[in-house]
N, C-alpha and C. Protein backbone atom coordinates (compact mmCIF):
# COMPACT_ATOMS: atom_id res chain seq x y z
N MET A 1 134.16 89.21 91.58
CA MET A 1 134.22 89.46 90.17
C MET A 1 132.80 89.42 89.62
N LYS A 2 132.43 90.41 88.80
CA LYS A 2 131.09 90.49 88.23
C LYS A 2 130.91 89.57 87.02
N THR A 3 131.99 89.13 86.42
CA THR A 3 131.90 88.33 85.21
C THR A 3 131.32 86.96 85.50
N LYS A 4 130.39 86.54 84.65
CA LYS A 4 129.77 85.22 84.77
C LYS A 4 129.91 84.51 83.44
N GLU A 5 129.88 83.18 83.49
CA GLU A 5 129.96 82.36 82.29
C GLU A 5 128.71 81.50 82.21
N ILE A 6 128.10 81.47 81.02
CA ILE A 6 126.96 80.60 80.80
C ILE A 6 127.20 79.87 79.49
N ILE A 7 127.05 78.56 79.52
CA ILE A 7 127.23 77.75 78.32
C ILE A 7 125.85 77.36 77.83
N MET A 8 125.50 77.83 76.64
CA MET A 8 124.19 77.55 76.08
C MET A 8 124.27 76.32 75.21
N ASP A 9 123.45 75.34 75.56
CA ASP A 9 123.46 74.07 74.84
C ASP A 9 122.06 73.49 74.89
N SER A 10 121.52 73.16 73.74
CA SER A 10 120.17 72.60 73.71
C SER A 10 120.16 71.08 73.76
N CYS A 11 121.34 70.47 73.86
CA CYS A 11 121.42 69.00 73.94
C CYS A 11 120.86 68.51 75.27
N LYS A 12 120.26 67.36 75.24
CA LYS A 12 119.75 66.75 76.47
C LYS A 12 120.88 66.12 77.28
N ASN A 13 121.91 65.59 76.60
CA ASN A 13 123.03 64.94 77.29
C ASN A 13 124.07 65.98 77.66
N LYS A 14 124.34 66.11 78.94
CA LYS A 14 125.31 67.08 79.44
C LYS A 14 126.56 66.37 79.93
N ALA A 15 127.07 65.44 79.15
CA ALA A 15 128.20 64.61 79.59
C ALA A 15 129.52 65.37 79.54
N SER A 16 129.64 66.36 78.66
CA SER A 16 130.92 67.05 78.51
C SER A 16 131.17 67.98 79.70
N GLU A 17 132.39 67.96 80.19
CA GLU A 17 132.80 68.82 81.31
C GLU A 17 133.68 69.92 80.74
N ASN A 18 133.38 71.16 81.05
CA ASN A 18 134.13 72.30 80.52
C ASN A 18 135.15 72.78 81.54
N ALA A 19 136.32 73.13 81.03
CA ALA A 19 137.37 73.66 81.90
C ALA A 19 136.99 75.06 82.35
N PRO A 20 137.28 75.41 83.60
CA PRO A 20 136.94 76.75 84.08
C PRO A 20 137.79 77.83 83.39
N ILE A 21 137.20 78.99 83.23
CA ILE A 21 137.89 80.14 82.65
C ILE A 21 138.51 80.95 83.79
N VAL A 22 139.77 81.34 83.63
CA VAL A 22 140.48 82.12 84.65
C VAL A 22 140.81 83.49 84.06
N MET A 23 140.41 84.54 84.80
CA MET A 23 140.72 85.92 84.38
C MET A 23 141.38 86.63 85.56
N HIS A 24 142.56 87.19 85.32
CA HIS A 24 143.30 87.93 86.35
C HIS A 24 143.47 87.10 87.62
N GLY A 25 143.68 85.81 87.46
CA GLY A 25 143.92 84.93 88.59
C GLY A 25 142.67 84.44 89.31
N SER A 26 141.49 84.87 88.85
CA SER A 26 140.23 84.44 89.47
C SER A 26 139.45 83.56 88.51
N VAL A 27 138.82 82.54 89.05
CA VAL A 27 138.00 81.65 88.23
C VAL A 27 136.65 82.32 87.98
N VAL A 28 136.21 82.34 86.72
CA VAL A 28 134.93 82.92 86.35
C VAL A 28 133.81 81.96 86.76
N GLU A 29 132.82 82.48 87.44
CA GLU A 29 131.71 81.67 87.94
C GLU A 29 130.84 81.17 86.79
N GLN A 30 130.53 79.88 86.80
CA GLN A 30 129.63 79.30 85.81
C GLN A 30 128.21 79.31 86.37
N VAL A 31 127.26 79.80 85.58
CA VAL A 31 125.86 79.86 86.00
C VAL A 31 124.99 79.18 84.96
N THR A 32 123.81 78.76 85.37
CA THR A 32 122.87 78.14 84.42
C THR A 32 121.79 79.11 84.00
N GLU A 33 121.67 80.24 84.72
CA GLU A 33 120.66 81.25 84.41
C GLU A 33 121.24 82.62 84.72
N TYR A 34 120.95 83.60 83.83
CA TYR A 34 121.49 84.94 84.01
C TYR A 34 120.46 85.97 83.56
N ASN A 35 120.34 87.06 84.30
CA ASN A 35 119.42 88.13 83.95
C ASN A 35 120.20 89.21 83.20
N TYR A 36 119.87 89.39 81.92
CA TYR A 36 120.58 90.36 81.07
C TYR A 36 119.58 91.33 80.48
N LEU A 37 119.68 92.60 80.86
CA LEU A 37 118.80 93.65 80.39
C LEU A 37 117.32 93.28 80.56
N GLY A 38 116.99 92.69 81.70
CA GLY A 38 115.61 92.36 82.01
C GLY A 38 115.12 91.06 81.42
N THR A 39 115.96 90.34 80.71
CA THR A 39 115.58 89.06 80.11
C THR A 39 116.39 87.96 80.76
N ARG A 40 115.71 86.92 81.20
CA ARG A 40 116.41 85.77 81.81
C ARG A 40 116.88 84.84 80.71
N ILE A 41 118.17 84.60 80.70
CA ILE A 41 118.78 83.70 79.73
C ILE A 41 119.19 82.44 80.48
N THR A 42 118.78 81.28 79.95
CA THR A 42 119.12 80.01 80.59
C THR A 42 120.05 79.22 79.69
N SER A 43 120.79 78.31 80.30
CA SER A 43 121.77 77.52 79.55
C SER A 43 121.11 76.55 78.58
N ASN A 44 119.87 76.13 78.86
CA ASN A 44 119.20 75.19 77.96
C ASN A 44 118.28 75.91 76.97
N LEU A 45 118.39 77.23 76.89
CA LEU A 45 117.62 78.06 75.96
C LEU A 45 116.11 77.91 76.15
N ASP A 46 115.70 77.75 77.39
CA ASP A 46 114.29 77.61 77.74
C ASP A 46 113.76 78.97 78.18
N TRP A 47 112.57 79.34 77.74
CA TRP A 47 112.01 80.65 78.06
C TRP A 47 111.05 80.61 79.25
N SER A 48 110.86 79.46 79.88
CA SER A 48 109.86 79.36 80.94
C SER A 48 110.19 80.25 82.14
N SER A 49 111.45 80.33 82.54
CA SER A 49 111.79 81.17 83.70
C SER A 49 111.59 82.65 83.37
N ASN A 50 111.84 83.03 82.12
CA ASN A 50 111.61 84.41 81.69
C ASN A 50 110.12 84.73 81.70
N THR A 51 109.31 83.78 81.27
CA THR A 51 107.86 83.96 81.26
C THR A 51 107.32 84.07 82.67
N ILE A 52 107.80 83.25 83.58
CA ILE A 52 107.37 83.29 84.98
C ILE A 52 107.73 84.64 85.61
N ALA A 53 108.95 85.11 85.35
CA ALA A 53 109.38 86.40 85.90
C ALA A 53 108.53 87.54 85.34
N ALA A 54 108.21 87.48 84.06
CA ALA A 54 107.38 88.53 83.45
C ALA A 54 105.97 88.52 84.04
N ARG A 55 105.42 87.33 84.28
CA ARG A 55 104.09 87.23 84.90
C ARG A 55 104.09 87.82 86.30
N LYS A 56 105.12 87.51 87.08
CA LYS A 56 105.22 88.04 88.45
C LYS A 56 105.29 89.56 88.42
N LYS A 57 106.10 90.09 87.52
CA LYS A 57 106.26 91.54 87.42
C LYS A 57 104.93 92.20 87.02
N LYS A 58 104.22 91.59 86.08
CA LYS A 58 102.94 92.14 85.65
C LYS A 58 101.92 92.09 86.78
N LEU A 59 101.90 91.01 87.55
CA LEU A 59 100.98 90.88 88.68
C LEU A 59 101.27 91.94 89.74
N ILE A 60 102.54 92.16 90.02
CA ILE A 60 102.92 93.18 91.00
C ILE A 60 102.47 94.56 90.53
N ASN A 61 102.71 94.88 89.25
CA ASN A 61 102.29 96.18 88.72
C ASN A 61 100.77 96.33 88.75
N LYS A 62 100.06 95.26 88.44
CA LYS A 62 98.59 95.29 88.44
C LYS A 62 98.08 95.56 89.86
N ASN A 63 98.63 94.87 90.85
CA ASN A 63 98.21 95.07 92.23
C ASN A 63 98.57 96.46 92.73
N TYR A 64 99.73 96.97 92.33
CA TYR A 64 100.14 98.32 92.73
C TYR A 64 99.15 99.34 92.17
N THR A 65 98.74 99.15 90.91
CA THR A 65 97.80 100.07 90.29
C THR A 65 96.46 100.05 91.02
N LYS A 66 96.00 98.87 91.43
CA LYS A 66 94.74 98.78 92.18
C LYS A 66 94.84 99.51 93.51
N ILE A 67 95.93 99.29 94.23
CA ILE A 67 96.13 99.94 95.53
C ILE A 67 96.21 101.46 95.35
N GLU A 68 96.94 101.89 94.34
CA GLU A 68 97.08 103.32 94.07
C GLU A 68 95.71 103.94 93.78
N HIS A 69 94.89 103.25 93.01
CA HIS A 69 93.55 103.75 92.69
C HIS A 69 92.70 103.90 93.96
N VAL A 70 92.74 102.91 94.83
CA VAL A 70 91.97 102.97 96.07
C VAL A 70 92.45 104.12 96.94
N LEU A 71 93.76 104.26 97.08
CA LEU A 71 94.30 105.33 97.92
C LEU A 71 93.95 106.70 97.35
N ARG A 72 94.02 106.85 96.05
CA ARG A 72 93.68 108.14 95.44
C ARG A 72 92.19 108.46 95.64
N SER A 73 91.32 107.48 95.49
CA SER A 73 89.89 107.74 95.65
C SER A 73 89.56 108.06 97.11
N LYS A 74 90.20 107.38 98.06
CA LYS A 74 89.99 107.68 99.49
C LYS A 74 90.46 109.09 99.82
N HIS A 75 91.60 109.49 99.27
CA HIS A 75 92.15 110.83 99.49
C HIS A 75 91.17 111.87 98.93
N HIS A 76 90.63 111.59 97.78
CA HIS A 76 89.69 112.51 97.15
C HIS A 76 88.42 112.65 97.98
N GLU A 77 87.91 111.53 98.50
CA GLU A 77 86.69 111.57 99.31
C GLU A 77 86.91 112.34 100.62
N ARG A 78 88.05 112.10 101.25
CA ARG A 78 88.30 112.70 102.56
C ARG A 78 88.55 114.21 102.46
N TYR A 79 89.38 114.63 101.52
CA TYR A 79 89.80 116.03 101.46
C TYR A 79 89.17 116.80 100.31
N ASN A 80 88.33 116.13 99.52
CA ASN A 80 87.73 116.74 98.34
C ASN A 80 88.80 117.37 97.45
N ALA A 81 89.91 116.66 97.35
CA ALA A 81 91.05 117.16 96.58
C ALA A 81 90.97 116.63 95.15
N PRO A 82 91.39 117.44 94.19
CA PRO A 82 91.40 116.95 92.81
C PRO A 82 92.48 115.88 92.63
N ILE A 83 92.18 114.91 91.81
CA ILE A 83 93.13 113.84 91.53
C ILE A 83 93.88 114.20 90.25
N LYS A 84 95.19 114.32 90.37
CA LYS A 84 96.02 114.66 89.22
C LYS A 84 96.67 113.39 88.69
N GLN A 85 96.69 113.26 87.40
CA GLN A 85 97.36 112.13 86.77
C GLN A 85 98.86 112.40 86.73
N PRO A 86 99.67 111.38 87.00
CA PRO A 86 101.12 111.57 86.92
C PRO A 86 101.55 111.81 85.48
N LEU A 87 102.64 112.54 85.33
CA LEU A 87 103.14 112.84 83.97
C LEU A 87 103.78 111.65 83.35
């Protein structure tokens, strides 16, 4: 089942126990963190995991751009080919 349940609570005390939700005879999985439309939502409403994921994604894109630049310049030097910018 794709359905997930997340209980958002900013309280420090997590003493309350919630009854599981059942849909079509299956228990809905409870999670503490969920990725929704590229944004990480946590049960304690903390943005740190979202910030970490965004930093990782930016670092990967930055490194990819550097590698792409090196490969394009090497291709240009070897074959004297014009470098076209992607659309």
